Structures are given as structure tokens and as C-alpha cells.
Amino acid sequence: MTRKNVGAMLAVAAVLSLPLAGCKDTKTLQENEQLKAKVAELQKENGQVGNDLETMTTAHDALVKENEKLKAEIKALKTKRTGKKTVSRKHRRG
């Protein structure tokens, strides 16, 4: 007799758990879709950041070259100057 009750209880529990399992699967599927969308968005952002980094690196390299060129020009201008005028030291009698 108790075997029938245990079997019946298990059958009732299984029947009642099926809708819950179905809801859980639906919820899991929705979360999975949301996560897939978020991953796609992050991959897109990552690609954009990569492009921005490449652009900034190119700009940085160009600025470094320009800076070196300007430093060379400054150095060349400094060396082109002939020495400073020497102050004539005349002794004046007063």
C-alpha cells in the first residue's frame, strides 16, 4: 500500500514539476538571447576601440616624427648663430 502512495506521490511531483521546468527553460533561453546580444554589442565596441587605437597610434607616430624634425630644426638654428657680440671694453677717462 505504501508503495502505491510513494509511486503516486512521485508521479504527481513529476507532473507538477514539468511546467516549472518549461518556465525555467524559457527563462534560461531569454537570458541566453540577452547574453548573446550583449556579447555581439561588446564585440562591436571592441572592434571600434581597436580602430580608434590604430588611428591614435598612427597620429602619435606622426607627431613623434614632427617633434623630432622640429627639435632638429631648433638645434640647427642654434648652431647657425655665430658667437654673441663681444662687449668692447673701452676704458674711458672721466
N, C-alpha and C. Protein backbone atom coordinates (compact mmCIF):
# COMPACT_ATOMS: atom_id res chain seq x y z
N MET A 1 0.80 -1.18 0.00
CA MET A 1 0.00 0.00 0.00
C MET A 1 0.86 1.26 0.00
N THR A 2 1.91 1.26 0.77
CA THR A 2 2.77 2.43 0.79
C THR A 2 3.52 2.60 -0.51
N ARG A 3 3.73 1.49 -1.20
CA ARG A 3 4.39 1.59 -2.50
C ARG A 3 3.52 2.33 -3.48
N LYS A 4 2.25 2.10 -3.46
CA LYS A 4 1.34 2.81 -4.35
C LYS A 4 1.33 4.29 -4.03
N ASN A 5 1.34 4.61 -2.74
CA ASN A 5 1.33 6.02 -2.34
C ASN A 5 2.63 6.72 -2.75
N VAL A 6 3.74 6.05 -2.59
CA VAL A 6 5.03 6.64 -2.96
C VAL A 6 5.08 6.83 -4.46
N GLY A 7 4.62 5.84 -5.20
CA GLY A 7 4.59 5.93 -6.66
C GLY A 7 3.66 7.04 -7.12
N ALA A 8 2.53 7.16 -6.49
CA ALA A 8 1.57 8.20 -6.85
C ALA A 8 2.15 9.57 -6.51
N MET A 9 2.80 9.67 -5.38
CA MET A 9 3.42 10.95 -4.98
C MET A 9 4.51 11.35 -5.97
N LEU A 10 5.30 10.39 -6.39
CA LEU A 10 6.35 10.68 -7.37
C LEU A 10 5.75 11.11 -8.70
N ALA A 11 4.69 10.46 -9.11
CA ALA A 11 4.03 10.81 -10.37
C ALA A 11 3.45 12.22 -10.29
N VAL A 12 2.82 12.56 -9.19
CA VAL A 12 2.25 13.90 -9.01
C VAL A 12 3.37 14.95 -8.99
N ALA A 13 4.44 14.65 -8.31
CA ALA A 13 5.56 15.59 -8.24
C ALA A 13 6.16 15.80 -9.64
N ALA A 14 6.28 14.74 -10.38
CA ALA A 14 6.85 14.84 -11.74
C ALA A 14 5.94 15.67 -12.63
N VAL A 15 4.63 15.43 -12.54
CA VAL A 15 3.67 16.19 -13.36
C VAL A 15 3.69 17.66 -12.99
N LEU A 16 3.77 17.97 -11.72
CA LEU A 16 3.79 19.36 -11.28
C LEU A 16 5.11 20.07 -11.62
N SER A 17 6.18 19.32 -11.70
CA SER A 17 7.47 19.94 -11.98
C SER A 17 7.68 20.22 -13.47
N LEU A 18 6.92 19.59 -14.35
CA LEU A 18 7.08 19.81 -15.79
C LEU A 18 6.82 21.25 -16.20
N PRO A 19 5.74 21.89 -15.77
CA PRO A 19 5.54 23.29 -16.15
C PRO A 19 6.64 24.21 -15.59
N LEU A 20 7.09 23.90 -14.39
CA LEU A 20 8.16 24.70 -13.81
C LEU A 20 9.45 24.54 -14.62
N ALA A 21 9.73 23.35 -15.05
CA ALA A 21 10.93 23.11 -15.86
C ALA A 21 10.79 23.83 -17.20
N GLY A 22 9.59 23.83 -17.76
CA GLY A 22 9.36 24.55 -19.01
C GLY A 22 9.57 26.03 -18.84
N CYS A 23 9.09 26.59 -17.75
CA CYS A 23 9.29 28.02 -17.47
C CYS A 23 10.76 28.32 -17.27
N LYS A 24 11.42 27.44 -16.58
CA LYS A 24 12.83 27.63 -16.32
C LYS A 24 13.60 27.64 -17.64
N ASP A 25 13.27 26.72 -18.54
CA ASP A 25 13.93 26.66 -19.83
C ASP A 25 13.66 27.94 -20.63
N THR A 26 12.43 28.43 -20.60
CA THR A 26 12.09 29.66 -21.31
C THR A 26 12.88 30.83 -20.74
N LYS A 27 12.95 30.88 -19.42
CA LYS A 27 13.70 31.95 -18.77
C LYS A 27 15.18 31.85 -19.14
N THR A 28 15.70 30.64 -19.13
CA THR A 28 17.10 30.42 -19.49
C THR A 28 17.34 30.81 -20.95
N LEU A 29 16.43 30.48 -21.82
CA LEU A 29 16.58 30.84 -23.22
C LEU A 29 16.57 32.36 -23.41
N GLN A 30 15.68 33.04 -22.68
CA GLN A 30 15.64 34.50 -22.76
C GLN A 30 16.95 35.12 -22.27
N GLU A 31 17.44 34.61 -21.14
CA GLU A 31 18.71 35.11 -20.62
C GLU A 31 19.84 34.84 -21.62
N ASN A 32 19.80 33.66 -22.24
CA ASN A 32 20.81 33.28 -23.21
C ASN A 32 20.78 34.24 -24.41
N GLU A 33 19.60 34.58 -24.88
CA GLU A 33 19.47 35.52 -26.01
C GLU A 33 19.98 36.91 -25.62
N GLN A 34 19.66 37.33 -24.40
CA GLN A 34 20.13 38.64 -23.93
C GLN A 34 21.66 38.65 -23.85
N LEU A 35 22.22 37.56 -23.36
CA LEU A 35 23.68 37.48 -23.26
C LEU A 35 24.33 37.47 -24.64
N LYS A 36 23.71 36.77 -25.58
CA LYS A 36 24.24 36.76 -26.96
C LYS A 36 24.23 38.16 -27.55
N ALA A 37 23.15 38.89 -27.31
CA ALA A 37 23.06 40.26 -27.81
C ALA A 37 24.12 41.14 -27.16
N LYS A 38 24.33 40.96 -25.87
CA LYS A 38 25.34 41.75 -25.15
C LYS A 38 26.74 41.42 -25.67
N VAL A 39 27.01 40.14 -25.92
CA VAL A 39 28.32 39.74 -26.46
C VAL A 39 28.53 40.36 -27.83
N ALA A 40 27.50 40.34 -28.68
CA ALA A 40 27.63 40.96 -30.01
C ALA A 40 27.90 42.45 -29.89
N GLU A 41 27.23 43.12 -28.96
CA GLU A 41 27.44 44.55 -28.74
C GLU A 41 28.87 44.82 -28.27
N LEU A 42 29.35 44.00 -27.34
CA LEU A 42 30.70 44.17 -26.83
C LEU A 42 31.75 43.91 -27.91
N GLN A 43 31.49 42.92 -28.77
CA GLN A 43 32.42 42.65 -29.86
C GLN A 43 32.47 43.84 -30.83
N LYS A 44 31.32 44.44 -31.08
CA LYS A 44 31.28 45.61 -31.95
C LYS A 44 32.07 46.77 -31.32
N GLU A 45 31.85 47.00 -30.02
CA GLU A 45 32.58 48.05 -29.32
C GLU A 45 34.07 47.77 -29.33
N ASN A 46 34.44 46.51 -29.15
CA ASN A 46 35.85 46.12 -29.14
C ASN A 46 36.49 46.42 -30.50
N GLY A 47 35.76 46.14 -31.57
CA GLY A 47 36.27 46.45 -32.91
C GLY A 47 36.46 47.95 -33.08
N GLN A 48 35.52 48.73 -32.59
CA GLN A 48 35.62 50.19 -32.70
C GLN A 48 36.80 50.71 -31.89
N VAL A 49 36.99 50.17 -30.69
CA VAL A 49 38.11 50.58 -29.86
C VAL A 49 39.43 50.22 -30.55
N GLY A 50 39.47 49.06 -31.19
CA GLY A 50 40.67 48.66 -31.93
C GLY A 50 40.97 49.64 -33.05
N ASN A 51 39.92 50.06 -33.77
CA ASN A 51 40.10 51.04 -34.84
C ASN A 51 40.58 52.38 -34.28
N ASP A 52 39.99 52.80 -33.17
CA ASP A 52 40.40 54.06 -32.53
C ASP A 52 41.86 53.99 -32.09
N LEU A 53 42.26 52.85 -31.54
CA LEU A 53 43.63 52.68 -31.09
C LEU A 53 44.60 52.77 -32.26
N GLU A 54 44.23 52.13 -33.36
CA GLU A 54 45.08 52.18 -34.55
C GLU A 54 45.22 53.61 -35.07
N THR A 55 44.11 54.34 -35.09
CA THR A 55 44.13 55.74 -35.54
C THR A 55 45.01 56.58 -34.63
N MET A 56 44.86 56.38 -33.31
CA MET A 56 45.66 57.16 -32.36
C MET A 56 47.14 56.81 -32.46
N THR A 57 47.44 55.56 -32.68
CA THR A 57 48.83 55.14 -32.81
C THR A 57 49.46 55.79 -34.04
N THR A 58 48.73 55.83 -35.14
CA THR A 58 49.23 56.46 -36.35
C THR A 58 49.45 57.95 -36.12
N ALA A 59 48.50 58.60 -35.47
CA ALA A 59 48.63 60.03 -35.16
C ALA A 59 49.81 60.28 -34.22
N HIS A 60 49.99 59.40 -33.25
CA HIS A 60 51.11 59.53 -32.32
C HIS A 60 52.44 59.43 -33.05
N ASP A 61 52.55 58.44 -33.94
CA ASP A 61 53.79 58.27 -34.71
C ASP A 61 54.09 59.51 -35.54
N ALA A 62 53.06 60.07 -36.16
CA ALA A 62 53.25 61.27 -36.97
C ALA A 62 53.71 62.44 -36.10
N LEU A 63 53.14 62.57 -34.92
CA LEU A 63 53.54 63.65 -34.01
C LEU A 63 54.97 63.47 -33.51
N VAL A 64 55.36 62.24 -33.26
CA VAL A 64 56.73 61.97 -32.81
C VAL A 64 57.72 62.37 -33.91
N LYS A 65 57.39 62.01 -35.16
CA LYS A 65 58.27 62.38 -36.27
C LYS A 65 58.35 63.90 -36.42
N GLU A 66 57.21 64.56 -36.32
CA GLU A 66 57.19 66.02 -36.44
C GLU A 66 57.98 66.66 -35.31
N ASN A 67 57.84 66.12 -34.11
CA ASN A 67 58.56 66.64 -32.95
C ASN A 67 60.08 66.50 -33.15
N GLU A 68 60.51 65.35 -33.64
CA GLU A 68 61.93 65.14 -33.89
C GLU A 68 62.45 66.12 -34.95
N LYS A 69 61.64 66.34 -35.97
CA LYS A 69 62.01 67.26 -37.04
C LYS A 69 62.17 68.68 -36.49
N LEU A 70 61.22 69.10 -35.66
CA LEU A 70 61.28 70.44 -35.07
C LEU A 70 62.48 70.58 -34.13
N LYS A 71 62.76 69.54 -33.37
CA LYS A 71 63.93 69.59 -32.49
C LYS A 71 65.21 69.74 -33.31
N ALA A 72 65.28 69.03 -34.43
CA ALA A 72 66.46 69.12 -35.30
C ALA A 72 66.58 70.53 -35.86
N GLU A 73 65.43 71.12 -36.24
CA GLU A 73 65.46 72.49 -36.76
C GLU A 73 65.93 73.47 -35.69
N ILE A 74 65.47 73.31 -34.48
CA ILE A 74 65.88 74.19 -33.39
C ILE A 74 67.38 74.05 -33.16
N LYS A 75 67.85 72.81 -33.14
CA LYS A 75 69.27 72.56 -32.93
C LYS A 75 70.09 73.21 -34.06
N ALA A 76 69.61 73.07 -35.31
CA ALA A 76 70.32 73.65 -36.45
C ALA A 76 70.34 75.18 -36.33
N LEU A 77 69.24 75.77 -35.91
CA LEU A 77 69.20 77.23 -35.76
C LEU A 77 70.14 77.70 -34.67
N LYS A 78 70.25 76.95 -33.60
CA LYS A 78 71.14 77.34 -32.51
C LYS A 78 72.60 77.26 -32.94
N THR A 79 72.94 76.27 -33.74
CA THR A 79 74.34 76.12 -34.15
C THR A 79 74.70 77.08 -35.27
N LYS A 80 73.72 77.57 -36.02
CA LYS A 80 73.99 78.52 -37.09
C LYS A 80 74.42 79.88 -36.55
N ARG A 81 73.97 80.22 -35.39
CA ARG A 81 74.32 81.52 -34.82
C ARG A 81 75.82 81.60 -34.63
N THR A 82 76.36 82.70 -35.05
CA THR A 82 77.77 82.91 -34.74
C THR A 82 77.80 83.43 -33.33
N GLY A 83 78.90 83.33 -32.70
CA GLY A 83 79.01 83.70 -31.29
C GLY A 83 78.38 85.04 -30.99
N LYS A 84 78.11 85.27 -29.75
CA LYS A 84 77.49 86.52 -29.32
C LYS A 84 78.46 87.67 -29.59
N LYS A 85 77.92 88.84 -29.73
CA LYS A 85 78.77 90.02 -29.89
C LYS A 85 79.59 90.18 -28.62
N THR A 86 80.84 90.45 -28.85
CA THR A 86 81.67 90.66 -27.68
C THR A 86 81.54 92.13 -27.26
N VAL A 87 81.44 92.31 -26.02
CA VAL A 87 81.28 93.66 -25.50
C VAL A 87 82.67 94.31 -25.52
N SER A 88 82.72 95.45 -26.16
CA SER A 88 84.01 96.14 -26.21
C SER A 88 84.24 96.79 -24.84
N ARG A 89 85.41 96.63 -24.36
CA ARG A 89 85.72 97.16 -23.04
C ARG A 89 86.70 98.33 -23.20
N LYS A 90 86.12 99.42 -23.43
CA LYS A 90 86.96 100.62 -23.56
C LYS A 90 87.00 101.30 -22.21
N HIS A 91 88.19 101.67 -21.85
CA HIS A 91 88.32 102.40 -20.61
C HIS A 91 88.19 103.88 -20.93
N ARG A 92 87.28 104.49 -20.36
CA ARG A 92 87.08 105.92 -20.60
C ARG A 92 87.60 106.70 -19.41
N ARG A 93 88.22 107.71 -19.74
CA ARG A 93 88.73 108.57 -18.66
C ARG A 93 87.72 109.66 -18.39
N GLY A 94 87.44 109.84 -17.27
CA GLY A 94 86.44 110.81 -16.98
C GLY A 94 86.81 111.99 -16.23
